[in-house]
Amino acid sequence: MDQTATRNEVIWRALRLRCPVCGVGRQFRGLTMRKQCPHCGFFFEREVGYFTNALIVNYTITCLPILFIIAPLAYLEVFSVRVLLTAGLLIAIALPILTFPHSKALWLAFDVLIRPPTAVEFDPHPHEPE
């Protein structure tokens, strides 16, 4: 990992969907995560089943607006049940798709901060993007 990168820089790289190690290579092509950074060769999936916890992050991000916006509005009876169910359903469908890349990138960034990469986690001959 770039020894000069601070915690905030690594998190900012994740929010921009860049490699948490070098900050240059893109992690995603559309909604598909690359296997490795095209710039520094860092393998993004550090072990089998690595991104399982990223699903928990994504689920949490999805639940927060439902819990803190839809539920209070339902309790206060500000809108009809149909409107609230429609809004909740739209949030439950759209938000996980929209936050999918960022939840994986943030999970990887937090892990890189806790467990800095070793030499084994890099491809010595990184591939440039197609």
C-alpha atoms as a PDB file:
ATOM      1  CA  MET A   1       0.000   0.000   0.000  1.00  0.00           C
ATOM      2  CA  ASP A   2       1.102   3.539  -0.671  1.00  0.00           C
ATOM      3  CA  GLN A   3       2.815   4.346   2.644  1.00  0.00           C
ATOM      4  CA  THR A   4       1.808   8.009   2.403  1.00  0.00           C
ATOM      5  CA  ALA A   5      -1.927   7.256   1.998  1.00  0.00           C
ATOM      6  CA  THR A   6      -3.945   8.276   5.027  1.00  0.00           C
ATOM      7  CA  ARG A   7      -7.136   6.619   6.205  1.00  0.00           C
ATOM      8  CA  ASN A   8      -9.209   9.395   4.647  1.00  0.00           C
ATOM      9  CA  GLU A   9      -7.386   9.052   1.319  1.00  0.00           C
ATOM     10  CA  VAL A  10      -8.030   5.300   1.207  1.00  0.00           C
ATOM     11  CA  ILE A  11     -11.735   5.835   1.960  1.00  0.00           C
ATOM     12  CA  TRP A  12     -11.909   8.609  -0.657  1.00  0.00           C
ATOM     13  CA  ARG A  13     -10.377   6.226  -3.192  1.00  0.00           C
ATOM     14  CA  ALA A  14     -13.104   3.695  -2.367  1.00  0.00           C
ATOM     15  CA  LEU A  15     -15.846   6.291  -2.801  1.00  0.00           C
ATOM     16  CA  ARG A  16     -14.359   7.118  -6.223  1.00  0.00           C
ATOM     17  CA  LEU A  17     -14.210   3.347  -6.983  1.00  0.00           C
ATOM     18  CA  ARG A  18     -10.423   3.423  -7.362  1.00  0.00           C
ATOM     19  CA  CYS A  19      -7.870   0.903  -6.148  1.00  0.00           C
ATOM     20  CA  PRO A  20      -7.370   1.383  -2.386  1.00  0.00           C
ATOM     21  CA  VAL A  21      -3.652   0.641  -2.749  1.00  0.00           C
ATOM     22  CA  CYS A  22      -2.529   2.930  -5.597  1.00  0.00           C
ATOM     23  CA  GLY A  23      -5.591   5.147  -6.087  1.00  0.00           C
ATOM     24  CA  VAL A  24      -5.156   5.032  -9.877  1.00  0.00           C
ATOM     25  CA  GLY A  25      -6.742   1.857 -11.238  1.00  0.00           C
ATOM     26  CA  ARG A  26     -10.512   1.543 -11.522  1.00  0.00           C
ATOM     27  CA  GLN A  27     -12.128  -1.244  -9.503  1.00  0.00           C
ATOM     28  CA  PHE A  28     -15.238  -1.617 -11.670  1.00  0.00           C
ATOM     29  CA  ARG A  29     -16.296  -1.839 -15.270  1.00  0.00           C
ATOM     30  CA  GLY A  30     -20.021  -1.075 -15.017  1.00  0.00           C
ATOM     31  CA  LEU A  31     -21.324  -3.242 -12.169  1.00  0.00           C
ATOM     32  CA  THR A  32     -18.596  -5.859 -12.662  1.00  0.00           C
ATOM     33  CA  MET A  33     -15.584  -5.746 -10.376  1.00  0.00           C
ATOM     34  CA  ARG A  34     -12.222  -6.341 -11.992  1.00  0.00           C
ATOM     35  CA  LYS A  35     -10.094  -9.197 -10.678  1.00  0.00           C
ATOM     36  CA  GLN A  36      -7.096  -6.938 -10.125  1.00  0.00           C
ATOM     37  CA  CYS A  37      -6.001  -3.335 -10.389  1.00  0.00           C
ATOM     38  CA  PRO A  38      -4.878  -2.557 -13.948  1.00  0.00           C
ATOM     39  CA  HIS A  39      -2.271  -0.137 -12.587  1.00  0.00           C
ATOM     40  CA  CYS A  40      -0.563  -1.825  -9.607  1.00  0.00           C
ATOM     41  CA  GLY A  41      -1.763  -5.442 -10.003  1.00  0.00           C
ATOM     42  CA  PHE A  42      -3.418  -5.712  -6.573  1.00  0.00           C
ATOM     43  CA  PHE A  43      -5.912  -8.593  -6.504  1.00  0.00           C
ATOM     44  CA  PHE A  44      -9.218  -7.182  -5.229  1.00  0.00           C
ATOM     45  CA  GLU A  45     -10.706 -10.461  -3.976  1.00  0.00           C
ATOM     46  CA  ARG A  46      -8.266 -11.253  -1.207  1.00  0.00           C
ATOM     47  CA  GLU A  47      -9.685 -14.710  -0.412  1.00  0.00           C
ATOM     48  CA  VAL A  48     -12.586 -16.958  -1.407  1.00  0.00           C
ATOM     49  CA  GLY A  49     -15.912 -15.459  -0.264  1.00  0.00           C
ATOM     50  CA  TYR A  50     -14.164 -12.195   0.539  1.00  0.00           C
ATOM     51  CA  PHE A  51     -17.036  -9.874  -0.346  1.00  0.00           C
ATOM     52  CA  THR A  52     -19.723 -11.658   1.698  1.00  0.00           C
ATOM     53  CA  ASN A  53     -19.522  -8.948   4.350  1.00  0.00           C
ATOM     54  CA  ALA A  54     -19.902  -6.278   1.668  1.00  0.00           C
ATOM     55  CA  LEU A  55     -23.452  -7.602   1.274  1.00  0.00           C
ATOM     56  CA  ILE A  56     -24.062  -6.775   4.934  1.00  0.00           C
ATOM     57  CA  VAL A  57     -22.808  -3.236   4.317  1.00  0.00           C
ATOM     58  CA  ASN A  58     -25.118  -2.960   1.295  1.00  0.00           C
ATOM     59  CA  TYR A  59     -28.078  -4.337   3.278  1.00  0.00           C
ATOM     60  CA  THR A  60     -27.438  -1.848   6.093  1.00  0.00           C
ATOM     61  CA  ILE A  61     -27.290   1.071   3.664  1.00  0.00           C
ATOM     62  CA  THR A  62     -30.609  -0.086   2.196  1.00  0.00           C
ATOM     63  CA  CYS A  63     -32.337  -0.508   5.565  1.00  0.00           C
ATOM     64  CA  LEU A  64     -31.410   2.896   6.984  1.00  0.00           C
ATOM     65  CA  PRO A  65     -33.752   5.020   4.818  1.00  0.00           C
ATOM     66  CA  ILE A  66     -36.581   2.553   5.319  1.00  0.00           C
ATOM     67  CA  LEU A  67     -36.025   2.569   9.078  1.00  0.00           C
ATOM     68  CA  PHE A  68     -35.503   6.307   9.532  1.00  0.00           C
ATOM     69  CA  ILE A  69     -37.764   7.750   6.809  1.00  0.00           C
ATOM     70  CA  ILE A  70     -40.493   5.312   5.789  1.00  0.00           C
ATOM     71  CA  ALA A  71     -41.196   3.880   9.268  1.00  0.00           C
ATOM     72  CA  PRO A  72     -41.662   7.286  10.989  1.00  0.00           C
ATOM     73  CA  LEU A  73     -43.879   8.495   8.142  1.00  0.00           C
ATOM     74  CA  ALA A  74     -45.968   5.342   8.515  1.00  0.00           C
ATOM     75  CA  TYR A  75     -46.241   5.889  12.258  1.00  0.00           C
ATOM     76  CA  LEU A  76     -47.262   9.521  11.833  1.00  0.00           C
ATOM     77  CA  GLU A  77     -49.701   8.546   9.058  1.00  0.00           C
ATOM     78  CA  VAL A  78     -48.472  11.388   6.846  1.00  0.00           C
ATOM     79  CA  PHE A  79     -48.987   9.413   3.632  1.00  0.00           C
ATOM     80  CA  SER A  80     -51.272   6.591   2.606  1.00  0.00           C
ATOM     81  CA  VAL A  81     -50.135   2.998   3.022  1.00  0.00           C
ATOM     82  CA  ARG A  82     -49.956   2.610  -0.760  1.00  0.00           C
ATOM     83  CA  VAL A  83     -47.570   5.568  -1.119  1.00  0.00           C
ATOM     84  CA  LEU A  84     -45.335   4.317   1.703  1.00  0.00           C
ATOM     85  CA  LEU A  85     -45.263   0.758   0.357  1.00  0.00           C
ATOM     86  CA  THR A  86     -44.386   2.043  -3.106  1.00  0.00           C
ATOM     87  CA  ALA A  87     -41.616   4.270  -1.739  1.00  0.00           C
ATOM     88  CA  GLY A  88     -40.272   1.457   0.440  1.00  0.00           C
ATOM     89  CA  LEU A  89     -40.321  -0.970  -2.476  1.00  0.00           C
ATOM     90  CA  LEU A  90     -38.512   1.481  -4.755  1.00  0.00           C
ATOM     91  CA  ILE A  91     -35.858   2.037  -2.092  1.00  0.00           C
ATOM     92  CA  ALA A  92     -35.513  -1.710  -1.509  1.00  0.00           C
ATOM     93  CA  ILE A  93     -35.008  -2.359  -5.228  1.00  0.00           C
ATOM     94  CA  ALA A  94     -32.998   0.671  -6.395  1.00  0.00           C
ATOM     95  CA  LEU A  95     -30.694   1.410  -3.469  1.00  0.00           C
ATOM     96  CA  PRO A  96     -28.891  -1.965  -3.344  1.00  0.00           C
ATOM     97  CA  ILE A  97     -28.140  -1.718  -7.068  1.00  0.00           C
ATOM     98  CA  LEU A  98     -26.935   1.873  -6.797  1.00  0.00           C
ATOM     99  CA  THR A  99     -24.749   1.220  -3.745  1.00  0.00           C
ATOM    100  CA  PHE A 100     -23.426  -2.214  -4.799  1.00  0.00           C
ATOM    101  CA  PRO A 101     -20.070  -1.005  -6.197  1.00  0.00           C
ATOM    102  CA  HIS A 102     -19.479   1.375  -3.307  1.00  0.00           C
ATOM    103  CA  SER A 103     -20.231  -1.224  -0.633  1.00  0.00           C
ATOM    104  CA  LYS A 104     -17.651  -3.581  -2.144  1.00  0.00           C
ATOM    105  CA  ALA A 105     -15.118  -0.779  -2.567  1.00  0.00           C
ATOM    106  CA  LEU A 106     -15.611   0.451   1.008  1.00  0.00           C
ATOM    107  CA  TRP A 107     -15.331  -3.075   2.382  1.00  0.00           C
ATOM    108  CA  LEU A 108     -12.041  -3.528   0.516  1.00  0.00           C
ATOM    109  CA  ALA A 109     -10.746  -0.137   1.695  1.00  0.00           C
ATOM    110  CA  PHE A 110     -11.516  -0.877   5.352  1.00  0.00           C
ATOM    111  CA  ASP A 111      -9.842  -4.265   5.048  1.00  0.00           C
ATOM    112  CA  VAL A 112      -6.752  -2.793   3.393  1.00  0.00           C
ATOM    113  CA  LEU A 113      -6.497  -0.308   6.260  1.00  0.00           C
ATOM    114  CA  ILE A 114      -6.713  -3.100   8.831  1.00  0.00           C
ATOM    115  CA  ARG A 115      -4.668  -5.718   6.936  1.00  0.00           C
ATOM    116  CA  PRO A 116      -2.192  -3.994   4.601  1.00  0.00           C
ATOM    117  CA  PRO A 117      -1.523  -5.993   1.419  1.00  0.00           C
ATOM    118  CA  THR A 118       1.440  -8.322   1.173  1.00  0.00           C
ATOM    119  CA  ALA A 119       3.587  -8.970  -1.907  1.00  0.00           C
ATOM    120  CA  VAL A 120       1.652 -12.189  -2.626  1.00  0.00           C
ATOM    121  CA  GLU A 121      -1.507 -10.141  -3.283  1.00  0.00           C
ATOM    122  CA  PHE A 122      -0.035  -8.402  -6.328  1.00  0.00           C
ATOM    123  CA  ASP A 123       0.344  -9.575  -9.903  1.00  0.00           C
ATOM    124  CA  PRO A 124       3.903  -8.755 -10.943  1.00  0.00           C
ATOM    125  CA  HIS A 125       2.669  -8.006 -14.476  1.00  0.00           C
ATOM    126  CA  PRO A 126      -0.599  -6.048 -14.171  1.00  0.00           C
ATOM    127  CA  HIS A 127      -2.879  -6.006 -17.200  1.00  0.00           C
ATOM    128  CA  GLU A 128      -3.991  -2.739 -18.674  1.00  0.00           C
ATOM    129  CA  PRO A 129      -7.772  -2.389 -19.163  1.00  0.00           C
ATOM    130  CA  GLU A 130      -9.224  -3.596 -22.441  1.00  0.00           C
END
